[in-house]
Amino acid sequence: MDLLHTVLESQGHRDVVRWPAGHAPDSRDVVIDLGRLVGSHPSSRQPLPGARMVWQGLERLNWAIQVRDAIGETKRE
């Protein structure tokens, strides 16, 4: 979840709320954040992103995890 929020902050999202350590995030908030990764903006008319946007957000988050892990392994060597 920290990586998801770091990526969102790097994209310029100002309303990213970090959860306290040990606190499980609400699944609705995670879905909204995944949609934000690919340009979805919640509104009163459409509060949740569609399935395609959530899927694209998951793919982008997976890529960020792979990059983080690759950089971490390079630093260890």
C-alpha atoms as a PDB file:
ATOM      1  CA  MET A   1       0.000   0.000   0.000  1.00  0.00           C
ATOM      2  CA  ASP A   2       2.908   2.338   0.683  1.00  0.00           C
ATOM      3  CA  LEU A   3       4.186   1.829  -2.856  1.00  0.00           C
ATOM      4  CA  LEU A   4       0.734   2.547  -4.284  1.00  0.00           C
ATOM      5  CA  HIS A   5       0.605   5.823  -2.394  1.00  0.00           C
ATOM      6  CA  THR A   6       4.178   6.719  -3.347  1.00  0.00           C
ATOM      7  CA  VAL A   7       3.336   6.246  -7.037  1.00  0.00           C
ATOM      8  CA  LEU A   8       0.155   8.326  -6.682  1.00  0.00           C
ATOM      9  CA  GLU A   9       2.067  11.119  -4.929  1.00  0.00           C
ATOM     10  CA  SER A  10       4.716  11.079  -7.664  1.00  0.00           C
ATOM     11  CA  GLN A  11       1.919  11.584 -10.214  1.00  0.00           C
ATOM     12  CA  GLY A  12       0.835  14.730  -8.378  1.00  0.00           C
ATOM     13  CA  HIS A  13      -2.214  13.476  -6.489  1.00  0.00           C
ATOM     14  CA  ARG A  14      -2.596  15.705  -3.448  1.00  0.00           C
ATOM     15  CA  ASP A  15      -5.418  13.898  -1.669  1.00  0.00           C
ATOM     16  CA  VAL A  16      -3.538  10.659  -0.969  1.00  0.00           C
ATOM     17  CA  VAL A  17      -4.178   9.562   2.600  1.00  0.00           C
ATOM     18  CA  ARG A  18      -1.681   7.178   4.177  1.00  0.00           C
ATOM     19  CA  TRP A  19      -3.080   4.682   6.636  1.00  0.00           C
ATOM     20  CA  PRO A  20      -1.493   4.191  10.047  1.00  0.00           C
ATOM     21  CA  ALA A  21       0.784   1.165  10.402  1.00  0.00           C
ATOM     22  CA  GLY A  22      -1.137  -2.015  11.135  1.00  0.00           C
ATOM     23  CA  HIS A  23      -4.418  -0.541   9.873  1.00  0.00           C
ATOM     24  CA  ALA A  24      -6.055  -2.475   7.035  1.00  0.00           C
ATOM     25  CA  PRO A  25      -7.297  -0.184   4.252  1.00  0.00           C
ATOM     26  CA  ASP A  26     -10.905  -0.219   3.132  1.00  0.00           C
ATOM     27  CA  SER A  27     -11.239  -2.136  -0.148  1.00  0.00           C
ATOM     28  CA  ARG A  28     -13.281   0.708  -1.648  1.00  0.00           C
ATOM     29  CA  ASP A  29     -10.395   3.137  -1.048  1.00  0.00           C
ATOM     30  CA  VAL A  30      -7.946   0.716  -2.675  1.00  0.00           C
ATOM     31  CA  VAL A  31     -10.164   0.405  -5.767  1.00  0.00           C
ATOM     32  CA  ILE A  32     -10.366   4.210  -6.041  1.00  0.00           C
ATOM     33  CA  ASP A  33      -6.575   4.531  -5.671  1.00  0.00           C
ATOM     34  CA  LEU A  34      -5.948   1.880  -8.338  1.00  0.00           C
ATOM     35  CA  GLY A  35      -8.217   3.797 -10.695  1.00  0.00           C
ATOM     36  CA  ARG A  36      -6.323   7.004  -9.948  1.00  0.00           C
ATOM     37  CA  LEU A  37      -3.135   5.360 -11.200  1.00  0.00           C
ATOM     38  CA  VAL A  38      -4.580   5.378 -14.711  1.00  0.00           C
ATOM     39  CA  GLY A  39      -6.415   8.697 -14.645  1.00  0.00           C
ATOM     40  CA  SER A  40      -9.770   7.941 -13.039  1.00  0.00           C
ATOM     41  CA  HIS A  41     -11.161  10.744 -10.881  1.00  0.00           C
ATOM     42  CA  PRO A  42     -13.980   9.856  -8.493  1.00  0.00           C
ATOM     43  CA  SER A  43     -17.060  12.054  -8.688  1.00  0.00           C
ATOM     44  CA  SER A  44     -20.505  12.056  -7.171  1.00  0.00           C
ATOM     45  CA  ARG A  45     -21.888  10.666 -10.446  1.00  0.00           C
ATOM     46  CA  GLN A  46     -19.325   7.860 -10.718  1.00  0.00           C
ATOM     47  CA  PRO A  47     -17.587   7.302  -7.364  1.00  0.00           C
ATOM     48  CA  LEU A  48     -15.788   4.071  -8.376  1.00  0.00           C
ATOM     49  CA  PRO A  49     -13.702   3.394 -11.480  1.00  0.00           C
ATOM     50  CA  GLY A  50     -14.767   0.720 -13.933  1.00  0.00           C
ATOM     51  CA  ALA A  51     -13.315  -2.783 -13.989  1.00  0.00           C
ATOM     52  CA  ARG A  52     -11.010  -1.991 -16.915  1.00  0.00           C
ATOM     53  CA  MET A  53      -9.451   0.960 -15.086  1.00  0.00           C
ATOM     54  CA  VAL A  54      -8.975  -1.077 -11.906  1.00  0.00           C
ATOM     55  CA  TRP A  55      -7.307  -3.824 -13.943  1.00  0.00           C
ATOM     56  CA  GLN A  56      -5.011  -1.301 -15.643  1.00  0.00           C
ATOM     57  CA  GLY A  57      -4.175   0.168 -12.235  1.00  0.00           C
ATOM     58  CA  LEU A  58      -3.269  -3.300 -10.948  1.00  0.00           C
ATOM     59  CA  GLU A  59      -0.991  -3.822 -13.950  1.00  0.00           C
ATOM     60  CA  ARG A  60       0.733  -0.497 -13.338  1.00  0.00           C
ATOM     61  CA  LEU A  61       1.151  -1.278  -9.628  1.00  0.00           C
ATOM     62  CA  ASN A  62       2.600  -4.692 -10.498  1.00  0.00           C
ATOM     63  CA  TRP A  63       5.128  -2.987 -12.779  1.00  0.00           C
ATOM     64  CA  ALA A  64       6.071  -0.574  -9.970  1.00  0.00           C
ATOM     65  CA  ILE A  65       6.593  -3.514  -7.596  1.00  0.00           C
ATOM     66  CA  GLN A  66       8.865  -5.231 -10.119  1.00  0.00           C
ATOM     67  CA  VAL A  67      10.911  -2.063 -10.604  1.00  0.00           C
ATOM     68  CA  ARG A  68      11.192  -1.532  -6.835  1.00  0.00           C
ATOM     69  CA  ASP A  69      12.353  -5.112  -6.345  1.00  0.00           C
ATOM     70  CA  ALA A  70      14.865  -4.860  -9.204  1.00  0.00           C
ATOM     71  CA  ILE A  71      16.332  -1.654  -7.807  1.00  0.00           C
ATOM     72  CA  GLY A  72      16.461  -3.152  -4.338  1.00  0.00           C
ATOM     73  CA  GLU A  73      18.413  -6.168  -5.629  1.00  0.00           C
ATOM     74  CA  THR A  74      20.849  -3.914  -7.507  1.00  0.00           C
ATOM     75  CA  LYS A  75      21.552  -1.940  -4.351  1.00  0.00           C
ATOM     76  CA  ARG A  76      22.280  -5.132  -2.369  1.00  0.00           C
ATOM     77  CA  GLU A  77      25.045  -6.255  -4.741  1.00  0.00           C
END
